[in-house]
Amino acid sequence: MRPTPSMRWRFLMDRMSGPLFAVLVFLTGWADPTAAAARDLRAAVFVSERVVHVRDVLVPWIARLNEALAGEARIRLYSGGALGRDGEMQWYHLRRGVSDITWIPAGYEAGRFPSTEILELPVLSDDPVRLTRAAWRLHAAGQLPDFGGTEILALSVSPAYGLHLAFPVANIDDLKGAKIRVVNHAQADLVAALGAVPVAGIGANALAESMGRGLVDGALFGWHAIRATGVERVSRAHVILPAGFALSVIAMNGDSYAALPPDARAVIRRESGEALSLAFTRRLVEEAAAAQARVAAEGHGIYRASPGELARIRDLYAAFAAAWRARSPRHAALYDALAAVLEKEKP
């Protein structure tokens, strides 16, 4: 059968997903942010739409925005890496106008957001909801200066990561020599301190395959995403421990935002901010608890760090935090500001 024009078009679009499509968007001028009000705004996520925070938070949020925008602009979601599968390139794509809105874990951009690193350490608080509220208030006060050229729409601190393994464990010492995927400096330091080997550069979309093929033995990874990414399927055991948090950001290209009519900007501000940030985190917390219950019911090995092991890990993180605070007067001021916000909002 000879291919029809529609078949050839679908074939071309399949081949253009990811980086090639992103380049085409840029070169053809689709990425011109000044025309955002006259056409769709592109919201990009590099993970599947099945991931809980995309399905249950971002998709409904975009629907609310589109209804409230009433035709002044329309947001279209490109999920699963349609505008680029590499998590480390999402900020670059946003700043270059390939996407107008993006979601990205800050730790994927190593060194780009140094003021947010303290939010990944379970030192001043182990409550992701409190940390999320504090993160937004620090941003609103202008104390998180790393996001120039963008409009920040939400900041979310994840529930504590878990350690998901392709082999059984009886205690923390069984991790020695294991290759463990990490996404930020704090995780890498923790894994190394436990005698394992940190491995960076493996995105969420490739993690299950990497574990299944033995390229890594496990991962520090969010409980909320283990089912959608396939990590749950390839894991035999899970370690529950204070493995730190991950800050994620929903940001909009600054030029795209500025080009919108005032009413449209007001709609986006109204539907974003602290409320969106907290909704994002609370949904992750719910899914993380459900995931822990599910893998236990399915017979996966569950190891909870002993009191002695927990104390050892907390001492490590306290040392990381002290070193972070000592880097510069700005780091010290931000650490103290976070402590003050958390103290003021103490339940």
Protein backbone atom coordinates (compact mmCIF):
# COMPACT_ATOMS: atom_id res chain seq x y z
CA MET A 1 0.00 0.00 0.00
CA ARG A 2 1.38 3.40 -0.96
CA PRO A 3 1.64 5.84 1.94
CA THR A 4 -0.98 8.55 1.96
CA PRO A 5 -0.08 12.19 2.71
CA SER A 6 -1.55 11.83 6.20
CA MET A 7 0.54 8.72 6.83
CA ARG A 8 3.68 10.50 5.67
CA TRP A 9 2.84 13.44 7.96
CA ARG A 10 2.39 11.16 10.97
CA PHE A 11 5.68 9.44 10.19
CA LEU A 12 7.45 12.82 9.98
CA MET A 13 5.97 14.04 13.25
CA ASP A 14 6.97 10.81 15.01
CA ARG A 15 10.56 11.33 13.88
CA MET A 16 10.52 14.99 14.88
CA SER A 17 9.59 14.46 18.53
CA GLY A 18 12.17 15.41 21.09
CA PRO A 19 15.31 17.44 20.25
CA LEU A 20 14.73 17.55 16.47
CA PHE A 21 11.26 18.95 16.94
CA ALA A 22 12.62 21.51 19.42
CA VAL A 23 15.21 22.65 16.87
CA LEU A 24 12.52 22.93 14.17
CA VAL A 25 10.34 24.99 16.50
CA PHE A 26 13.24 27.34 17.08
CA LEU A 27 14.38 27.66 13.47
CA THR A 28 10.95 28.17 11.97
CA GLY A 29 10.13 31.08 14.22
CA TRP A 30 7.38 29.27 16.12
CA ALA A 31 9.45 30.10 19.17
CA ASP A 32 9.01 33.87 18.77
CA PRO A 33 7.66 34.75 22.24
CA THR A 34 6.26 38.10 21.13
CA ALA A 35 3.54 36.30 19.18
CA ALA A 36 2.38 34.26 22.19
CA ALA A 37 -0.88 36.22 22.58
CA ALA A 38 -1.87 35.44 18.99
CA ARG A 39 -1.42 31.68 19.20
CA ASP A 40 -1.13 28.76 21.54
CA LEU A 41 1.32 28.82 24.41
CA ARG A 42 3.41 25.66 24.62
CA ALA A 43 3.62 24.01 28.05
CA ALA A 44 6.32 21.33 28.07
CA VAL A 45 6.93 18.42 30.41
CA PHE A 46 9.53 15.78 29.65
CA VAL A 47 7.71 13.04 31.58
CA SER A 48 4.59 11.11 30.69
CA GLU A 49 1.15 12.59 31.22
CA ARG A 50 0.51 9.50 33.39
CA VAL A 51 2.80 10.88 36.11
CA VAL A 52 0.56 12.00 38.95
CA HIS A 53 1.58 15.65 39.12
CA VAL A 54 1.03 16.05 35.39
CA ARG A 55 -2.26 14.13 35.28
CA ASP A 56 -3.82 15.46 38.48
CA VAL A 57 -2.30 18.94 38.85
CA LEU A 58 -0.89 20.35 35.62
CA VAL A 59 -3.61 19.10 33.27
CA PRO A 60 -6.51 20.49 35.39
CA TRP A 61 -4.56 23.72 35.98
CA ILE A 62 -4.11 24.23 32.24
CA ALA A 63 -7.81 23.52 31.70
CA ARG A 64 -8.74 26.17 34.29
CA LEU A 65 -6.38 28.66 32.70
CA ASN A 66 -7.75 28.06 29.22
CA GLU A 67 -11.31 28.56 30.41
CA ALA A 68 -10.42 31.76 32.29
CA LEU A 69 -8.28 33.12 29.45
CA ALA A 70 -11.39 33.07 27.26
CA GLY A 71 -9.53 33.07 23.96
CA GLU A 72 -6.90 35.74 24.75
CA ALA A 73 -4.38 32.89 24.72
CA ARG A 74 -4.56 29.13 24.86
CA ILE A 75 -2.12 26.75 26.52
CA ARG A 76 -1.35 23.42 24.89
CA LEU A 77 0.43 20.70 26.84
CA TYR A 78 3.33 18.84 25.19
CA SER A 79 4.02 15.88 27.48
CA GLY A 80 6.37 12.93 27.30
CA GLY A 81 9.25 15.00 25.96
CA ALA A 82 7.50 16.14 22.77
CA LEU A 83 9.57 19.35 22.88
CA GLY A 84 12.68 17.59 24.16
CA ARG A 85 13.13 14.49 26.30
CA ASP A 86 16.26 15.60 28.16
CA GLY A 87 15.33 16.92 31.60
CA GLU A 88 18.58 18.88 31.75
CA MET A 89 17.60 20.88 28.65
CA GLN A 90 14.17 22.05 29.79
CA TRP A 91 15.38 25.36 31.23
CA TYR A 92 17.40 26.03 28.09
CA HIS A 93 14.34 25.35 25.92
CA LEU A 94 12.26 27.70 28.06
CA ARG A 95 14.76 30.54 27.92
CA ARG A 96 15.14 30.13 24.14
CA GLY A 97 11.38 30.17 23.58
CA VAL A 98 11.04 26.56 22.41
CA SER A 99 8.52 26.22 25.23
CA ASP A 100 6.55 29.02 26.86
CA ILE A 101 5.89 27.19 30.13
CA THR A 102 7.83 24.30 31.61
CA TRP A 103 8.01 22.09 34.65
CA ILE A 104 11.47 21.02 35.80
CA PRO A 105 13.08 19.57 38.94
CA ALA A 106 15.67 22.18 39.91
CA GLY A 107 18.26 19.50 40.69
CA TYR A 108 18.35 18.46 37.05
CA GLU A 109 20.12 21.76 36.31
CA ALA A 110 23.21 21.19 38.43
CA GLY A 111 24.57 24.45 39.78
CA ARG A 112 22.03 26.66 38.01
CA PHE A 113 19.82 27.33 41.04
CA PRO A 114 22.23 27.46 44.00
CA SER A 115 19.86 29.42 46.25
CA THR A 116 17.35 26.54 46.19
CA GLU A 117 19.73 23.77 47.26
CA ILE A 118 19.01 24.23 50.97
CA LEU A 119 15.38 23.29 50.27
CA GLU A 120 16.53 19.79 49.26
CA LEU A 121 18.04 19.03 52.69
CA PRO A 122 15.87 17.58 55.50
CA VAL A 123 17.49 19.75 58.15
CA LEU A 124 15.30 22.73 58.98
CA SER A 125 12.13 20.75 58.32
CA ASP A 126 11.13 17.29 57.11
CA ASP A 127 7.64 18.45 56.06
CA PRO A 128 7.41 19.07 52.30
CA VAL A 129 4.22 21.11 52.66
CA ARG A 130 5.85 23.53 55.09
CA LEU A 131 8.95 23.72 52.91
CA THR A 132 6.82 24.42 49.84
CA ARG A 133 5.03 27.27 51.57
CA ALA A 134 8.35 28.65 52.77
CA ALA A 135 9.89 28.34 49.30
CA TRP A 136 7.09 30.35 47.74
CA ARG A 137 7.29 33.05 50.40
CA LEU A 138 11.04 33.34 49.98
CA HIS A 139 10.51 33.71 46.23
CA ALA A 140 7.76 36.30 46.73
CA ALA A 141 10.16 38.27 48.94
CA GLY A 142 12.81 38.23 46.22
CA GLN A 143 15.16 35.93 48.13
CA LEU A 144 15.48 33.21 45.45
CA PRO A 145 17.31 35.14 42.71
CA ASP A 146 18.19 32.30 40.33
CA PHE A 147 15.22 32.49 37.95
CA GLY A 148 16.02 35.58 35.90
CA GLY A 149 14.21 36.03 32.61
CA THR A 150 11.22 33.96 33.70
CA GLU A 151 7.95 34.31 35.55
CA ILE A 152 7.77 31.71 38.32
CA LEU A 153 4.29 30.21 38.60
CA ALA A 154 4.86 27.57 41.28
CA LEU A 155 7.56 26.05 43.47
CA SER A 156 6.99 22.60 44.96
CA VAL A 157 9.09 20.56 47.39
CA SER A 158 8.57 16.84 46.90
CA PRO A 159 8.01 14.26 49.63
CA ALA A 160 11.24 12.65 50.81
CA TYR A 161 12.76 10.48 48.12
CA GLY A 162 13.03 6.74 48.62
CA LEU A 163 15.76 4.32 47.63
CA HIS A 164 14.43 1.84 45.06
CA LEU A 165 16.63 -1.16 44.38
CA ALA A 166 16.91 -4.04 41.93
CA PHE A 167 18.33 -6.26 44.70
CA PRO A 168 17.24 -7.16 48.27
CA VAL A 169 18.78 -5.45 51.29
CA ALA A 170 19.01 -6.35 54.95
CA ASN A 171 20.61 -3.10 56.14
CA ILE A 172 22.19 0.10 54.89
CA ASP A 173 25.61 -1.53 54.62
CA ASP A 174 24.28 -3.71 51.78
CA LEU A 175 24.41 -0.59 49.61
CA LYS A 176 28.21 -0.54 49.53
CA GLY A 177 29.46 -0.60 45.96
CA ALA A 178 25.99 -0.38 44.42
CA LYS A 179 25.48 2.06 41.54
CA ILE A 180 22.70 4.44 42.56
CA ARG A 181 21.13 7.05 40.29
CA VAL A 182 20.96 10.57 41.78
CA VAL A 183 19.74 13.95 40.52
CA ASN A 184 21.41 16.55 42.72
CA HIS A 185 24.53 17.24 44.75
CA ALA A 186 22.93 16.42 48.10
CA GLN A 187 21.83 13.00 46.88
CA ALA A 188 25.25 12.30 45.39
CA ASP A 189 26.96 13.21 48.66
CA LEU A 190 24.59 11.01 50.66
CA VAL A 191 25.04 8.00 48.36
CA ALA A 192 28.82 8.35 48.45
CA ALA A 193 28.79 8.65 52.25
CA LEU A 194 26.83 5.37 52.45
CA GLY A 195 29.52 3.61 50.42
CA ALA A 196 27.57 3.40 47.17
CA VAL A 197 28.47 4.94 43.81
CA PRO A 198 26.36 7.92 42.68
CA VAL A 199 25.43 7.94 39.00
CA ALA A 200 24.07 11.13 37.43
CA GLY A 201 22.65 11.87 34.01
CA ILE A 202 19.85 9.29 33.87
CA GLY A 203 16.50 10.94 33.26
CA ALA A 204 13.22 9.73 34.68
CA ASN A 205 12.13 8.43 31.28
CA ALA A 206 15.17 6.13 31.02
CA LEU A 207 15.45 5.06 34.64
CA ALA A 208 13.40 1.83 34.58
CA GLU A 209 15.26 0.60 31.50
CA SER A 210 18.61 1.45 33.08
CA MET A 211 17.72 -0.51 36.22
CA GLY A 212 16.32 -3.41 34.19
CA ARG A 213 19.51 -3.67 32.12
CA GLY A 214 21.77 -3.43 35.16
CA LEU A 215 23.30 -0.10 34.22
CA VAL A 216 22.42 1.04 37.72
CA ASP A 217 21.42 -1.03 40.74
CA GLY A 218 18.89 1.41 42.10
CA ALA A 219 17.84 5.01 42.39
CA LEU A 220 17.01 7.74 44.80
CA PHE A 221 13.68 8.63 43.27
CA GLY A 222 10.32 10.09 44.18
CA TRP A 223 7.79 7.58 45.51
CA HIS A 224 5.07 9.46 43.71
CA ALA A 225 6.49 8.56 40.27
CA ILE A 226 7.63 4.94 40.63
CA ARG A 227 4.53 3.45 38.98
CA ALA A 228 4.22 5.81 36.01
CA THR A 229 7.92 5.57 35.12
CA GLY A 230 8.17 1.78 35.51
CA VAL A 231 10.62 1.95 38.42
CA GLU A 232 8.14 0.04 40.58
CA ARG A 233 8.10 -2.81 38.05
CA VAL A 234 11.89 -3.31 38.05
CA SER A 235 12.43 -2.85 41.79
CA ARG A 236 12.74 -5.72 44.27
CA ALA A 237 13.27 -3.68 47.42
CA HIS A 238 12.77 -0.18 48.77
CA VAL A 239 14.50 1.65 51.60
CA ILE A 240 12.53 4.24 53.54
CA LEU A 241 14.92 6.87 54.83
CA PRO A 242 15.22 10.68 54.87
CA ALA A 243 16.83 10.80 51.43
CA GLY A 244 16.23 14.49 50.90
CA PHE A 245 13.73 16.36 48.79
CA ALA A 246 13.57 17.70 45.26
CA LEU A 247 12.40 21.21 44.43
CA SER A 248 10.51 21.53 41.17
CA VAL A 249 9.60 24.70 39.34
CA ILE A 250 6.78 25.72 37.03
CA ALA A 251 8.11 28.68 35.08
CA MET A 252 7.07 30.77 32.11
CA ASN A 253 9.31 32.46 29.58
CA GLY A 254 9.50 36.10 30.66
CA ASP A 255 8.99 37.50 27.16
CA SER A 256 6.02 35.21 26.54
CA TYR A 257 4.46 36.39 29.78
CA ALA A 258 5.14 40.07 29.09
CA ALA A 259 3.62 39.79 25.60
CA LEU A 260 0.25 38.69 26.96
CA PRO A 261 -2.55 41.23 27.45
CA PRO A 262 -2.84 42.52 31.03
CA ASP A 263 -6.04 40.55 31.64
CA ALA A 264 -4.34 37.32 30.59
CA ARG A 265 -1.38 37.99 32.87
CA ALA A 266 -3.79 38.61 35.73
CA VAL A 267 -5.51 35.27 35.07
CA ILE A 268 -2.20 33.42 35.15
CA ARG A 269 -1.15 35.13 38.39
CA ARG A 270 -4.50 34.36 39.99
CA GLU A 271 -4.35 30.66 39.12
CA SER A 272 -0.69 30.24 40.12
CA GLY A 273 1.49 31.05 43.11
CA GLU A 274 1.32 29.59 46.61
CA ALA A 275 -2.01 27.82 46.13
CA LEU A 276 -0.80 25.98 43.03
CA SER A 277 2.50 25.16 44.73
CA LEU A 278 0.73 23.63 47.74
CA ALA A 279 -1.74 21.70 45.58
CA PHE A 280 1.19 20.25 43.66
CA THR A 281 3.02 19.13 46.82
CA ARG A 282 -0.06 17.74 48.58
CA ARG A 283 -0.90 15.55 45.60
CA LEU A 284 2.65 14.20 45.59
CA VAL A 285 2.42 13.44 49.31
CA GLU A 286 -0.81 11.50 48.77
CA GLU A 287 0.66 9.48 45.93
CA ALA A 288 3.88 8.75 47.83
CA ALA A 289 1.90 7.26 50.73
CA ALA A 290 -0.21 5.21 48.31
CA ALA A 291 2.92 3.92 46.54
CA GLN A 292 4.53 2.75 49.78
CA ALA A 293 1.36 0.88 50.73
CA ARG A 294 1.05 -0.63 47.26
CA VAL A 295 4.58 -2.05 46.99
CA ALA A 296 4.28 -3.51 50.48
CA ALA A 297 1.01 -5.23 49.49
CA GLU A 298 2.68 -6.55 46.33
CA GLY A 299 5.39 -8.27 48.37
CA HIS A 300 8.33 -5.99 47.64
CA GLY A 301 11.01 -5.90 50.28
CA ILE A 302 10.66 -2.85 52.52
CA TYR A 303 13.53 -1.81 54.73
CA ARG A 304 13.16 1.05 57.19
CA ALA A 305 16.38 2.61 58.33
CA SER A 306 17.14 1.84 61.97
CA PRO A 307 17.34 4.62 64.58
CA GLY A 308 21.13 4.43 64.44
CA GLU A 309 21.14 4.62 60.64
CA LEU A 310 18.68 7.53 60.72
CA ALA A 311 20.91 9.41 63.15
CA ARG A 312 23.88 8.78 60.87
CA ILE A 313 22.03 10.11 57.84
CA ARG A 314 20.77 13.18 59.72
CA ASP A 315 24.30 13.93 60.88
CA LEU A 316 25.45 13.76 57.26
CA TYR A 317 22.75 16.18 56.15
CA ALA A 318 23.48 18.53 59.05
CA ALA A 319 27.11 18.64 57.89
CA PHE A 320 25.98 19.28 54.30
CA ALA A 321 23.75 22.13 55.47
CA ALA A 322 26.48 23.69 57.60
CA ALA A 323 28.87 23.58 54.65
CA TRP A 324 26.23 25.12 52.38
CA ARG A 325 25.57 27.94 54.87
CA ALA A 326 29.29 28.67 55.16
CA ARG A 327 29.80 29.15 51.40
CA SER A 328 29.07 32.87 51.45
CA PRO A 329 27.24 35.61 53.38
CA ARG A 330 24.38 35.26 50.86
CA HIS A 331 24.06 31.55 51.62
CA ALA A 332 24.05 32.28 55.36
CA ALA A 333 21.39 34.97 54.96
CA LEU A 334 19.17 32.67 52.91
CA TYR A 335 19.57 29.82 55.40
CA ASP A 336 18.54 32.15 58.23
CA ALA A 337 15.62 33.52 56.20
CA LEU A 338 14.32 30.01 55.54
CA ALA A 339 14.65 29.15 59.23
CA ALA A 340 12.74 32.32 60.15
CA VAL A 341 9.89 31.62 57.70
CA LEU A 342 9.57 28.04 58.96
CA GLU A 343 9.57 29.20 62.57
CA LYS A 344 6.90 31.81 61.86
CA GLU A 345 4.70 29.25 60.10
CA LYS A 346 5.23 26.50 62.67
CA PRO A 347 1.94 24.61 63.17
